[in-house]
């Protein structure tokens, strides 16, 4: 099975890891800070730009859709490898940072998608009628 789009994915991943290591170094910690998130955001931006310019083939789009479906299991596996108990016993900073990131994500996702939060909720309810009502 040939999977297309791996070069784009690999380039975004390497750049994200580099940026995560750089951020970790600037923060004075020996860790990658946000490298996977940066890589995924970069992948979204690059693929969107290539699609708008018509410079990405249909097999490459299918290959990237495959990797997109693999993203959640990869993130879960990465999260499982973290020392969550150590972070929680180290102080309230981990909990505060986790809550802040979730809240910021809720605010920023509609901005990045170009829709307002209410429009996104209405569209979600239209696509998933069993889980909510349309206002």
Foldseek 3Di string as FASTA:
>chain_A
DDAAQVVVLVVLLVVLQVVQCVVCVVVVHRDRHRSVVSSVVSSVVVVVVCVVVVNDDPSNVVNVVVVVVVVVVVVVVVVVPDPPVVVPVVDCPVVVVVVVVVVVCLVCVCVVVVHDNLVVVQVVCVVPVVPDDHD
